Each structure stands twice: as structure tokens, then as C-alpha cells.
């Protein structure tokens, strides 16, 4: 039997960072995000060789282990190991041999939530394989705990819930890790207009978000007034942008996008840099009205909003830089998995 799963990556539109503890624990967080047609993928193949094999195409690693109840977390394929170890702990099953294969449509450190989405994707595959009693909320919550608590990786909570639910979501982050996902019913013409006016540009440089996120956490814990006030404004931008999107007010959407980027730069050192600023300058000169870095900052993808009539001008201008423009569409579906039983018939 073969089990497959896929989970969508997300664009963080507004409120990003307010989902990170301790800010969300003290003040509560609000995030508006939307999933796009870029995905993480996972395949589990049942085998009979007495091994657990992990093939990660993104890192180029191919690992194998004997059948054990816990895999060593040592910096190699830790996302897969973290899911396996947690599933074995919470839903004990007799170890059986299998091969797991993972890959991603976007590079790690892109700011699209690749790592967290991959954890959701892997967990969804295990859920399908073992018929685990996990719904969207449970998968997102467990994925968060695996990544942030079990593996100790820095980050927030929005990516896991975006990947599990899919679509446009206004998400509330409350104390004690409580989360409420509010799906938004966005009219088709509004999503069409957003797709017509948004440019997704990869700077050509991935980055580790951990240092920036750790600095944001430190600023909140130490009571850094400038950083906390900036995060309050960023959180409010999620409320404002939700209203703008539901009404189809693109002028207001653009204004909020630009204002939230100015506030985001106050959160920590390294959120912007010379390479990022140059991309903003080039895009603005070609007609871009506003933009923001997706994710923690420091590199990865930038979202620009342009008048659709100027979109090709902006794309061509950005094409002269070291990065590249990546076309995308919004998607409604969240993580899902499926089983293939009769593989001999399918692949003959």
C-alpha cells in the first residue's frame, strides 16, 4: 500500500509575528493568511525489508534505520523523525518497515511556511496510514507541538493552521495555545483581482527565521516599547485587511500592506537588508504600490501589490535582479491524504 499527502504553502498577508509566543500569550495574536498553489508532498510506502527509510529530496538526504520506537533527532530529516516519534508516543503502534519520501515546491527559508507545512503534510500521511482520530484542528495543534516543543524550533503558530485548513483564514491566537480559525468567504472577483495585482518575487536568498524570531521574542519579554507597539499595529493590520479584502477595497489593501511592512521593520534587526531594499526600489520604480516580505524577513519571498495594468512592467524589472518572479494562484483546500491499494495495476 502507498499513502500520499500534500499540504499548501501560505502567504502571510497581515498580522504575522503576533502568533509567536510570548506576544500571543500576553496580548493575543491575529493573523490573516491565504494558501496558494505551491505544496509540500509526502509519500509513505509500506515495505518488507525491516527498515525505516527516509528520503528527503529537499536536503538530498537518504537515511535508513532498523525498526525502532524512537528515531534519533540529530539534525538530519528531523521533521520526519519528530512526527514519527510523536505518533509512536501518542498513538503507539507496532513498528513496521516503510519508506517515506518528502519534497517541496518552494525552497526552505522562503517565508512561505515550508517547514511547518511539511510537518502538517507528514502528519497527514501518518493520519491516513494509521487511521488516526485527528481532524484539522488536532493536526495543526500536534504539528505545532512537534515543531516548536518536541524539536525546539523557533517560530509561530499560523503556518500549521493555514496548511491544515487552507483558503483565506483570519486566525485568533489566544493564551494557553488556544487557536480559533475563522475561514473567510472571499468573492471570486476579489480573489481574481488580488491574483491580478500581486507579484510574488523570490529574492534569490533563503534565510533562517530563527534568529529574527528569537529577537522578536526577546523584545517582547524585555518590554521593548518600540517593538511591542509595532506588533500591536501589525496585529491591527490583520483586522483592517480582513475588512478590505471582504469588501474588495484594493486601495486600502495596498495601503495596509505598505504600513504593516514599515511596522514590521521595527520588530528586529535583519528583517530587511540591502538586497531586499533594492528589490523594493526596483519594483516601486516600475509601478509597484506596496510590498512586504513574507514570513519573518531577511530574505525569501516578497509580495508586491501593483495596478494589474503595470504588472508586466514590475515583473520585467524584477527579472533583471538575481531572484525570480513565481506565478501563483490562491487555493481553497487544506492538507489532504489518500491511499493507493492496488499499485501493481496502477503502475503497469
Protein backbone atom coordinates (compact mmCIF):
# COMPACT_ATOMS: atom_id res chain seq x y z
CA UNK A 1 0.00 0.00 0.00
CA UNK A 2 1.09 3.58 -0.74
CA UNK A 3 -0.09 6.65 1.17
CA UNK A 4 0.31 10.15 -0.21
CA UNK A 5 -0.39 13.60 1.17
CA UNK A 6 0.04 17.20 0.16
CA UNK A 7 -0.38 20.48 2.03
CA UNK A 8 -0.45 24.05 0.65
CA UNK A 9 2.03 26.79 1.46
CA UNK A 10 0.71 30.16 2.56
CA UNK A 11 1.14 33.88 2.01
CA UNK A 12 1.18 35.82 5.27
CA UNK A 13 -0.91 38.85 4.37
CA UNK A 14 -1.17 40.65 7.72
CA UNK A 15 -0.55 40.16 11.43
CA UNK A 16 2.44 37.86 11.05
CA UNK A 17 4.56 37.70 14.21
CA UNK A 18 1.64 38.26 16.57
CA UNK A 19 1.21 34.45 16.56
CA UNK A 20 4.61 34.00 18.23
CA UNK A 21 4.88 33.44 21.98
CA UNK A 22 5.20 35.26 24.32
CA UNK A 23 3.36 38.05 22.46
CA UNK A 24 0.34 35.87 21.66
CA UNK A 25 0.22 34.66 25.27
CA UNK A 26 0.28 38.16 26.73
CA UNK A 27 -1.67 40.23 24.22
CA UNK A 28 -3.30 37.71 21.89
CA UNK A 29 -2.47 37.47 18.20
CA UNK A 30 -4.39 37.98 14.97
CA UNK A 31 -3.21 36.81 11.56
CA UNK A 32 -4.69 36.93 8.08
CA UNK A 33 -3.19 34.47 5.62
CA UNK A 34 -4.13 32.60 2.47
CA UNK A 35 -2.87 29.37 0.92
CA UNK A 36 -1.54 29.22 -2.62
CA UNK A 37 -0.95 26.52 -5.23
CA UNK A 38 2.54 25.64 -4.03
CA UNK A 39 2.73 22.50 -1.92
CA UNK A 40 4.70 20.15 0.27
CA UNK A 41 4.41 16.44 -0.56
CA UNK A 42 4.82 13.20 1.36
CA UNK A 43 4.64 9.55 0.32
CA UNK A 44 4.74 6.55 2.65
CA UNK A 45 5.39 3.18 1.00
CA UNK A 46 4.92 0.02 3.02
CA UNK A 47 7.94 -2.27 2.59
CA UNK A 48 9.12 -5.64 3.83
CA UNK A 49 12.85 -5.03 4.25
CA UNK A 50 12.75 -4.49 8.02
CA UNK A 51 13.91 -0.88 7.76
CA UNK A 52 12.62 2.64 8.19
CA UNK A 53 13.91 4.64 5.23
CA UNK A 54 13.69 8.41 4.94
CA UNK A 55 14.33 10.13 1.60
CA UNK A 56 14.26 13.93 1.65
CA UNK A 57 14.67 15.40 -1.81
CA UNK A 58 14.97 18.96 -0.50
CA UNK A 59 18.01 18.19 1.65
CA UNK A 60 19.30 15.40 -0.56
CA UNK A 61 19.48 13.00 2.39
CA UNK A 62 18.71 9.29 2.27
CA UNK A 63 18.67 7.62 5.67
CA UNK A 64 17.77 4.17 6.96
CA UNK A 65 17.16 2.81 10.44
CA UNK A 66 16.20 -0.51 11.99
CA UNK A 67 12.64 -0.86 13.27
CA UNK A 68 12.67 1.14 16.49
CA UNK A 69 10.14 3.04 18.57
CA UNK A 70 12.09 6.29 18.51
CA UNK A 71 14.36 7.76 15.84
CA UNK A 72 17.42 9.87 16.77
CA UNK A 73 16.90 13.63 16.38
CA UNK A 74 20.30 14.76 15.15
CA UNK A 75 19.77 17.46 12.53
CA UNK A 76 19.05 15.05 9.66
CA UNK A 77 15.44 14.75 8.48
CA UNK A 78 14.30 15.85 11.93
CA UNK A 79 10.83 16.89 10.75
CA UNK A 80 10.07 13.32 9.68
CA UNK A 81 11.65 11.89 12.81
CA UNK A 82 9.76 14.31 15.02
CA UNK A 83 6.42 13.26 13.55
CA UNK A 84 7.28 9.54 13.78
CA UNK A 85 8.43 9.83 17.37
CA UNK A 86 5.35 11.80 18.46
CA UNK A 87 2.93 9.45 16.69
CA UNK A 88 4.63 6.47 18.34
CA UNK A 89 4.30 8.22 21.71
CA UNK A 90 0.68 9.38 21.42
CA UNK A 91 -0.71 6.55 19.25
CA UNK A 92 1.55 3.53 19.92
CA UNK A 93 1.69 1.01 17.10
CA UNK A 94 3.94 -1.93 16.33
CA UNK A 95 6.89 -0.60 14.30
CA UNK A 96 6.66 -1.70 10.69
CA UNK A 97 9.00 -1.16 7.79
CA UNK A 98 8.30 1.69 5.42
CA UNK A 99 9.90 4.24 3.16
CA UNK A 100 8.91 7.91 3.44
CA UNK A 101 9.65 10.45 0.71
CA UNK A 102 9.22 14.21 1.08
CA UNK A 103 9.71 17.20 -1.20
CA UNK A 104 8.63 20.81 -1.52
CA UNK A 105 7.61 23.23 -4.28
CA UNK A 106 9.50 26.11 -2.62
CA UNK A 107 12.96 26.35 -1.08
CA UNK A 108 13.40 26.14 2.68
CA UNK A 109 13.63 29.57 4.28
CA UNK A 110 11.35 31.09 1.65
CA UNK A 111 8.96 32.75 4.11
CA UNK A 112 6.03 30.67 2.87
CA UNK A 113 5.92 28.38 5.91
CA UNK A 114 7.70 25.46 4.28
CA UNK A 115 8.91 23.67 7.42
CA UNK A 116 5.63 23.88 9.34
CA UNK A 117 3.64 22.93 6.25
CA UNK A 118 5.88 19.91 5.76
CA UNK A 119 5.22 18.77 9.34
CA UNK A 120 1.47 19.03 8.67
CA UNK A 121 1.91 17.13 5.42
CA UNK A 122 3.89 14.31 7.05
CA UNK A 123 1.45 14.11 9.93
CA UNK A 124 -1.45 13.95 7.47
CA UNK A 125 0.21 10.98 5.75
CA UNK A 126 0.59 9.15 9.07
CA UNK A 127 -3.01 10.01 9.93
CA UNK A 128 -4.19 8.44 6.67
CA UNK A 129 -1.91 5.42 7.02
CA UNK A 130 -2.77 4.60 10.62
CA UNK A 131 -6.37 5.94 10.61
CA UNK A 132 -5.57 8.31 13.47
CA UNK A 133 -8.50 10.24 15.02
CA UNK A 134 -7.21 13.68 14.04
CA UNK A 135 -9.20 16.50 12.46
CA UNK A 136 -7.86 19.79 11.10
CA UNK A 137 -7.52 21.46 14.49
CA UNK A 138 -5.86 18.40 16.04
CA UNK A 139 -3.38 18.03 13.17
CA UNK A 140 -2.45 21.71 13.30
CA UNK A 141 -2.05 21.69 17.08
CA UNK A 142 0.01 18.48 17.07
CA UNK A 143 2.20 19.76 14.22
CA UNK A 144 2.86 22.92 16.23
CA UNK A 145 3.82 20.93 19.31
CA UNK A 146 6.12 18.64 17.32
CA UNK A 147 7.97 21.51 15.70
CA UNK A 148 8.09 24.05 18.49
CA UNK A 149 8.15 21.89 21.63
CA UNK A 150 9.47 18.44 20.70
CA UNK A 151 12.09 19.67 18.22
CA UNK A 152 12.64 23.09 19.81
CA UNK A 153 12.46 25.01 16.52
CA UNK A 154 11.67 28.72 16.76
CA UNK A 155 8.54 30.09 15.13
CA UNK A 156 4.88 30.86 15.48
CA UNK A 157 1.59 29.02 15.07
CA UNK A 158 0.00 30.40 11.92
CA UNK A 159 1.66 28.13 9.35
CA UNK A 160 0.35 24.88 10.79
CA UNK A 161 -3.25 26.10 10.85
CA UNK A 162 -3.02 27.62 7.36
CA UNK A 163 -1.74 24.33 5.96
CA UNK A 164 -4.34 22.21 7.75
CA UNK A 165 -7.36 24.37 6.85
CA UNK A 166 -6.42 26.03 3.54
CA UNK A 167 -8.03 29.07 1.94
CA UNK A 168 -8.28 32.60 3.35
CA UNK A 169 -8.27 32.49 7.14
CA UNK A 170 -8.47 35.08 9.90
CA UNK A 171 -6.86 33.29 12.83
CA UNK A 172 -7.01 34.23 16.52
CA UNK A 173 -4.17 33.16 18.82
CA UNK A 174 -5.09 33.17 22.49
CA UNK A 175 -3.29 32.34 25.75
CA UNK A 176 -2.57 28.69 26.58
CA UNK A 177 -2.01 27.92 22.87
CA UNK A 178 -5.72 28.25 22.09
CA UNK A 179 -6.44 28.99 18.43
CA UNK A 180 -9.64 29.90 16.58
CA UNK A 181 -9.65 29.66 12.77
CA UNK A 182 -12.21 31.87 11.02
CA UNK A 183 -12.44 30.91 7.31
CA UNK A 184 -13.25 33.87 5.08
CA UNK A 185 -15.67 33.56 2.20
CA UNK A 186 -13.97 35.84 -0.33
CA UNK A 187 -15.89 36.55 -3.52
CA UNK A 188 -14.41 35.15 -6.72
CA UNK A 189 -13.93 38.54 -8.36
CA UNK A 190 -11.93 39.70 -5.33
CA UNK A 191 -9.55 36.72 -5.42
CA UNK A 192 -9.22 37.27 -9.19
CA UNK A 193 -8.36 40.93 -8.60
CA UNK A 194 -5.84 40.03 -5.91
CA UNK A 195 -4.18 37.48 -8.19
CA UNK A 196 -4.10 40.07 -10.98
CA UNK A 197 -2.40 42.64 -8.76
CA UNK A 198 0.00 40.58 -6.64
CA UNK A 199 3.56 39.75 -7.66
CA UNK A 200 5.46 37.08 -5.73
CA UNK A 201 9.20 37.62 -6.02
CA UNK A 202 11.89 35.32 -4.63
CA UNK A 203 14.94 37.34 -3.59
CA UNK A 204 17.26 34.50 -4.54
CA UNK A 205 18.34 34.09 -0.95
CA UNK A 206 16.75 31.83 1.65
CA UNK A 207 17.19 32.66 5.30
CA UNK A 208 16.87 31.12 8.72
CA UNK A 209 13.98 32.74 10.54
CA UNK A 210 15.13 31.51 13.95
CA UNK A 211 17.43 34.43 14.78
CA UNK A 212 14.87 37.08 13.81
CA UNK A 213 12.06 35.30 15.66
CA UNK A 214 14.24 34.84 18.74
CA UNK A 215 14.97 38.58 18.74
CA UNK A 216 11.25 39.35 18.46
CA UNK A 217 10.58 37.06 21.43
CA UNK A 218 13.34 38.76 23.42
CA UNK A 219 11.97 42.22 22.61
CA UNK A 220 8.53 41.22 23.87
CA UNK A 221 9.86 39.53 27.01
CA UNK A 222 12.06 42.52 27.87
CA UNK A 223 9.24 45.03 27.36
CA UNK A 224 10.82 46.79 24.37
CA UNK A 225 8.22 49.52 23.86
CA UNK A 226 9.10 50.26 20.23
CA UNK A 227 8.88 46.62 19.18
CA UNK A 228 5.70 45.91 21.16
CA UNK A 229 3.90 48.98 19.80
CA UNK A 230 4.93 47.94 16.29
CA UNK A 231 3.48 44.47 16.88
CA UNK A 232 0.24 45.98 18.17
CA UNK A 233 0.00 47.90 14.88
CA UNK A 234 0.80 44.77 12.88
CA UNK A 235 -1.93 42.86 14.71
CA UNK A 236 -4.43 45.63 13.97
CA UNK A 237 -3.45 45.45 10.30
CA UNK A 238 -4.93 41.92 10.19
CA UNK A 239 -8.30 43.29 11.29
CA UNK A 240 -8.13 46.14 8.79
CA UNK A 241 -7.00 43.96 5.92
CA UNK A 242 -9.75 41.43 6.56
CA UNK A 243 -12.32 44.20 6.06
CA UNK A 244 -10.54 45.49 2.95
CA UNK A 245 -10.42 42.05 1.32
CA UNK A 246 -14.03 41.17 2.10
CA UNK A 247 -15.13 44.49 0.57
CA UNK A 248 -12.73 44.25 -2.37
CA UNK A 249 -11.09 47.58 -1.47
CA UNK A 250 -7.76 47.19 -3.25
CA UNK A 251 -6.64 50.73 -2.47
CA UNK A 252 -6.98 50.05 1.24
CA UNK A 253 -5.41 46.61 0.85
CA UNK A 254 -2.35 48.21 -0.74
CA UNK A 255 -2.14 50.88 1.95
CA UNK A 256 -2.32 48.32 4.78
CA UNK A 257 0.32 46.15 3.11
CA UNK A 258 2.73 49.07 2.96
CA UNK A 259 2.05 50.28 6.51
CA UNK A 260 2.45 46.82 8.01
CA UNK A 261 5.83 46.43 6.29
CA UNK A 262 7.04 49.70 7.84
CA UNK A 263 5.96 48.45 11.26
CA UNK A 264 7.47 45.02 10.71
CA UNK A 265 10.91 46.51 10.13
CA UNK A 266 10.83 47.85 13.70
CA UNK A 267 10.48 44.39 15.19
CA UNK A 268 14.06 43.15 14.90
CA UNK A 269 17.39 43.71 13.19
CA UNK A 270 17.86 41.87 9.90
CA UNK A 271 14.22 41.88 8.79
CA UNK A 272 15.30 43.99 5.85
CA UNK A 273 18.70 44.37 4.19
CA UNK A 274 20.35 45.92 1.16
CA UNK A 275 19.22 43.14 -1.18
CA UNK A 276 15.60 43.40 -0.06
CA UNK A 277 15.55 47.19 -0.19
CA UNK A 278 16.99 47.14 -3.71
CA UNK A 279 14.17 44.86 -4.84
CA UNK A 280 11.64 47.27 -3.29
CA UNK A 281 13.27 50.22 -5.05
CA UNK A 282 13.27 48.46 -8.43
CA UNK A 283 9.66 47.34 -8.07
CA UNK A 284 8.49 50.80 -6.97
CA UNK A 285 10.25 52.47 -9.90
CA UNK A 286 8.38 50.10 -12.25
CA UNK A 287 4.99 50.86 -10.67
CA UNK A 288 4.59 48.71 -7.54
CA UNK A 289 2.42 50.46 -4.96
CA UNK A 290 3.37 48.50 -1.84
CA UNK A 291 5.01 45.31 -0.65
CA UNK A 292 6.14 43.25 2.30
CA UNK A 293 8.42 40.33 2.94
CA UNK A 294 6.51 37.10 3.54
CA UNK A 295 7.45 35.38 6.77
CA UNK A 296 9.97 36.53 9.37
CA UNK A 297 12.08 38.58 6.95
CA UNK A 298 15.73 38.71 5.99
CA UNK A 299 15.18 37.02 2.63
CA UNK A 300 12.84 34.59 0.93
CA UNK A 301 9.77 35.89 -0.92
CA UNK A 302 8.44 39.44 -1.21
CA UNK A 303 4.79 40.17 -2.03
CA UNK A 304 4.26 43.29 -4.13
CA UNK A 305 0.91 44.85 -4.94
CA UNK A 306 0.63 46.61 -8.30
CA UNK A 307 -2.02 48.00 -10.58
CA UNK A 308 -2.72 44.97 -12.80
CA UNK A 309 -2.00 47.18 -15.83
CA UNK A 310 1.56 47.62 -14.53
CA UNK A 311 2.13 44.01 -13.51
CA UNK A 312 4.25 43.02 -16.51
CA UNK A 313 6.41 46.14 -16.09
CA UNK A 314 7.12 45.21 -12.48
CA UNK A 315 7.79 41.57 -13.32
CA UNK A 316 10.21 42.53 -16.09
CA UNK A 317 12.03 44.97 -13.82
CA UNK A 318 12.39 42.37 -11.07
CA UNK A 319 13.58 39.92 -13.72
CA UNK A 320 16.77 41.97 -14.07
CA UNK A 321 17.74 41.10 -10.48
CA UNK A 322 19.22 37.91 -9.07
CA UNK A 323 15.89 36.44 -7.96
CA UNK A 324 12.81 35.44 -9.92
CA UNK A 325 9.06 36.03 -10.09
CA UNK A 326 6.92 33.00 -9.28
CA UNK A 327 3.34 32.90 -10.64
CA UNK A 328 0.73 31.64 -8.19
CA UNK A 329 -2.99 31.27 -7.57
CA UNK A 330 -4.93 31.13 -4.32
CA UNK A 331 -6.28 27.75 -3.30
CA UNK A 332 -9.15 26.68 -1.04
CA UNK A 333 -8.14 23.20 0.09
CA UNK A 334 -6.02 22.35 3.09
CA UNK A 335 -3.86 19.30 3.73
CA UNK A 336 -5.27 16.02 2.47
CA UNK A 337 -4.13 12.44 2.06
CA UNK A 338 -5.14 9.34 0.16
CA UNK A 339 -4.30 5.64 -0.10
CA UNK A 340 -3.38 3.58 -3.14
CA UNK A 341 -4.01 -0.13 -2.63
CA UNK A 342 -3.56 -1.85 -5.98
CA UNK A 343 -0.21 -0.40 -7.01
CA UNK A 344 0.54 -3.20 -9.48
CA UNK A 345 -2.47 -2.29 -11.56
CA UNK A 346 -1.89 1.46 -11.38
CA UNK A 347 1.75 1.40 -12.42
CA UNK A 348 1.69 -1.32 -15.07
